[in-house]
C-alpha atoms as a PDB file:
ATOM      1  CA  MET A   1     134.489 123.075  87.902  1.00  0.00           C
ATOM      2  CA  LYS A   2     131.065 122.113  86.491  1.00  0.00           C
ATOM      3  CA  THR A   3     131.746 118.473  87.553  1.00  0.00           C
ATOM      4  CA  ILE A   4     132.525 119.604  91.117  1.00  0.00           C
ATOM      5  CA  LYS A   5     129.304 121.619  91.324  1.00  0.00           C
ATOM      6  CA  LEU A   6     127.275 118.671  90.047  1.00  0.00           C
ATOM      7  CA  LEU A   7     128.980 116.379  92.542  1.00  0.00           C
ATOM      8  CA  MET A   8     128.292 118.839  95.395  1.00  0.00           C
ATOM      9  CA  ALA A   9     124.653 119.142  94.320  1.00  0.00           C
ATOM     10  CA  ALA A  10     124.319 115.335  94.263  1.00  0.00           C
ATOM     11  CA  LEU A  11     125.849 115.065  97.702  1.00  0.00           C
ATOM     12  CA  LEU A  12     123.535 117.669  99.136  1.00  0.00           C
ATOM     13  CA  LEU A  13     120.513 115.913  97.649  1.00  0.00           C
ATOM     14  CA  GLY A  14     121.685 112.654  99.055  1.00  0.00           C
ATOM     15  CA  MET A  15     122.091 114.168 102.492  1.00  0.00           C
ATOM     16  CA  SER A  16     118.709 115.773 102.435  1.00  0.00           C
ATOM     17  CA  SER A  17     117.022 112.499 101.503  1.00  0.00           C
ATOM     18  CA  MET A  18     118.923 110.849 104.395  1.00  0.00           C
ATOM     19  CA  ALA A  19     117.673 113.518 106.727  1.00  0.00           C
ATOM     20  CA  LEU A  20     114.122 112.819 105.559  1.00  0.00           C
ATOM     21  CA  ALA A  21     114.518 109.058 105.820  1.00  0.00           C
ATOM     22  CA  LEU A  22     112.225 107.295 108.218  1.00  0.00           C
ATOM     23  CA  SER A  23     113.775 105.713 111.299  1.00  0.00           C
ATOM     24  CA  LEU A  24     112.421 102.484 112.714  1.00  0.00           C
ATOM     25  CA  ASP A  25     111.356 104.189 115.931  1.00  0.00           C
ATOM     26  CA  ASP A  26     109.546 106.968 113.988  1.00  0.00           C
ATOM     27  CA  ALA A  27     107.826 104.384 111.765  1.00  0.00           C
ATOM     28  CA  LYS A  28     106.663 102.370 114.780  1.00  0.00           C
ATOM     29  CA  GLY A  29     105.567 105.484 116.586  1.00  0.00           C
ATOM     30  CA  GLN A  30     103.537 106.605 113.589  1.00  0.00           C
ATOM     31  CA  GLY A  31     101.933 103.148 113.348  1.00  0.00           C
ATOM     32  CA  LEU A  32     103.378 102.477 109.894  1.00  0.00           C
ATOM     33  CA  VAL A  33     105.203  99.274 110.761  1.00  0.00           C
ATOM     34  CA  GLY A  34     105.053  96.538 113.394  1.00  0.00           C
ATOM     35  CA  GLU A  35     106.653  93.348 114.611  1.00  0.00           C
ATOM     36  CA  GLN A  36     105.498  89.955 113.399  1.00  0.00           C
ATOM     37  CA  PRO A  37     105.730  86.457 114.949  1.00  0.00           C
ATOM     38  CA  ASN A  38     107.924  85.358 112.061  1.00  0.00           C
ATOM     39  CA  GLY A  39     110.745  87.633 113.157  1.00  0.00           C
ATOM     40  CA  TYR A  40     110.353  90.200 110.402  1.00  0.00           C
ATOM     41  CA  LEU A  41     108.989  93.679 110.384  1.00  0.00           C
ATOM     42  CA  GLY A  42     105.662  94.193 108.602  1.00  0.00           C
ATOM     43  CA  VAL A  43     104.010  97.178 106.944  1.00  0.00           C
ATOM     44  CA  VAL A  44     100.843  98.280 108.750  1.00  0.00           C
ATOM     45  CA  LYS A  45     100.180 101.386 106.646  1.00  0.00           C
ATOM     46  CA  ALA A  46     101.860 101.406 103.328  1.00  0.00           C
ATOM     47  CA  THR A  47     103.905 104.507 102.444  1.00  0.00           C
ATOM     48  CA  PRO A  48     106.886 104.422 100.124  1.00  0.00           C
ATOM     49  CA  GLU A  49     109.184 105.197 103.062  1.00  0.00           C
ATOM     50  CA  ALA A  50     107.713 102.497 105.234  1.00  0.00           C
ATOM     51  CA  VAL A  51     107.897  99.883 102.530  1.00  0.00           C
ATOM     52  CA  GLU A  52     111.525 100.740 101.807  1.00  0.00           C
ATOM     53  CA  LEU A  53     112.399 100.706 105.521  1.00  0.00           C
ATOM     54  CA  VAL A  54     110.797  97.302 106.019  1.00  0.00           C
ATOM     55  CA  ALA A  55     112.611  95.828 103.030  1.00  0.00           C
ATOM     56  CA  ASP A  56     115.953  97.128 104.276  1.00  0.00           C
ATOM     57  CA  ILE A  57     115.535  95.988 107.869  1.00  0.00           C
ATOM     58  CA  ASN A  58     114.161  92.574 106.871  1.00  0.00           C
ATOM     59  CA  ALA A  59     117.156  91.967 104.569  1.00  0.00           C
ATOM     60  CA  LYS A  60     119.491  92.702 107.425  1.00  0.00           C
ATOM     61  CA  ARG A  61     117.515  90.598 109.852  1.00  0.00           C
ATOM     62  CA  ARG A  62     117.535  87.648 107.449  1.00  0.00           C
ATOM     63  CA  GLU A  63     121.355  87.890 107.133  1.00  0.00           C
ATOM     64  CA  ALA A  64     121.654  87.917 110.922  1.00  0.00           C
ATOM     65  CA  TYR A  65     119.238  85.007 111.363  1.00  0.00           C
ATOM     66  CA  GLU A  66     121.100  82.963 108.756  1.00  0.00           C
ATOM     67  CA  ARG A  67     124.398  83.560 110.480  1.00  0.00           C
ATOM     68  CA  ILE A  68     122.951  82.647 113.869  1.00  0.00           C
ATOM     69  CA  ALA A  69     121.285  79.491 112.475  1.00  0.00           C
ATOM     70  CA  ARG A  70     124.483  78.415 110.835  1.00  0.00           C
ATOM     71  CA  GLU A  71     126.565  78.975 113.964  1.00  0.00           C
ATOM     72  CA  ASN A  72     124.118  77.098 116.147  1.00  0.00           C
ATOM     73  CA  GLY A  73     123.161  74.252 113.801  1.00  0.00           C
ATOM     74  CA  ILE A  74     119.458  75.201 113.775  1.00  0.00           C
ATOM     75  CA  THR A  75     117.091  76.318 111.013  1.00  0.00           C
ATOM     76  CA  LEU A  76     116.563  79.843 109.806  1.00  0.00           C
ATOM     77  CA  ASP A  77     112.864  79.506 110.743  1.00  0.00           C
ATOM     78  CA  GLN A  78     113.680  78.556 114.348  1.00  0.00           C
ATOM     79  CA  VAL A  79     115.858  81.653 114.671  1.00  0.00           C
ATOM     80  CA  ALA A  80     113.381  83.966 113.030  1.00  0.00           C
ATOM     81  CA  ASN A  81     110.457  82.714 115.112  1.00  0.00           C
ATOM     82  CA  LEU A  82     112.317  83.068 118.379  1.00  0.00           C
ATOM     83  CA  ALA A  83     113.389  86.558 117.333  1.00  0.00           C
ATOM     84  CA  GLY A  84     109.804  87.422 116.447  1.00  0.00           C
ATOM     85  CA  GLN A  85     108.551  86.338 119.913  1.00  0.00           C
ATOM     86  CA  LYS A  86     111.223  88.408 121.611  1.00  0.00           C
ATOM     87  CA  ALA A  87     110.563  91.488 119.367  1.00  0.00           C
ATOM     88  CA  ILE A  88     106.864  91.315 120.172  1.00  0.00           C
ATOM     89  CA  GLU A  89     107.616  90.987 123.907  1.00  0.00           C
ATOM     90  CA  ARG A  90     109.902  94.004 123.746  1.00  0.00           C
ATOM     91  CA  SER A  91     107.513  96.139 121.741  1.00  0.00           C
ATOM     92  CA  SER A  92     106.316  99.174 123.629  1.00  0.00           C
ATOM     93  CA  ALA A  93     102.725  99.814 124.571  1.00  0.00           C
ATOM     94  CA  GLY A  94     100.788 101.278 121.661  1.00  0.00           C
ATOM     95  CA  ALA A  95     103.052  99.684 119.024  1.00  0.00           C
ATOM     96  CA  TYR A  96     101.526  97.508 116.384  1.00  0.00           C
ATOM     97  CA  VAL A  97     102.164  93.730 116.504  1.00  0.00           C
ATOM     98  CA  ARG A  98     100.805  91.037 114.266  1.00  0.00           C
ATOM     99  CA  THR A  99      98.908  88.196 115.908  1.00  0.00           C
ATOM    100  CA  PRO A 100      99.467  84.563 114.674  1.00  0.00           C
ATOM    101  CA  ASP A 101      96.207  84.748 112.745  1.00  0.00           C
ATOM    102  CA  GLY A 102      97.499  87.782 110.799  1.00  0.00           C
ATOM    103  CA  GLN A 103      95.689  90.659 112.466  1.00  0.00           C
ATOM    104  CA  TRP A 104      97.435  93.903 113.412  1.00  0.00           C
ATOM    105  CA  VAL A 105      96.695  94.927 116.969  1.00  0.00           C
ATOM    106  CA  THR A 106      98.198  97.534 119.295  1.00  0.00           C
ATOM    107  CA  LYS A 107     100.117  96.171 122.236  1.00  0.00           C
END
């Protein structure tokens, strides 16, 4: 019985942390993260949640870029740079984007 209660408590804590987790849209809306020309998300204002979100999303993007590069016989950098251009183009007004010289600006 004690094991079940501990398991339930752990599940509830896990669920509450998921509810508090930062979404990409929220992070962009709060000016915490932005798109970069290299195809990866960048941290504009470092918070633990923003840093964790960026690391998670960038790992997933890299996997996708590697797959696309392999399937099309091109380099990872070519895929990532094209994705970065498209992500910046699709960013909404007021969102942060990084310029090629490394400055964060609002679109």
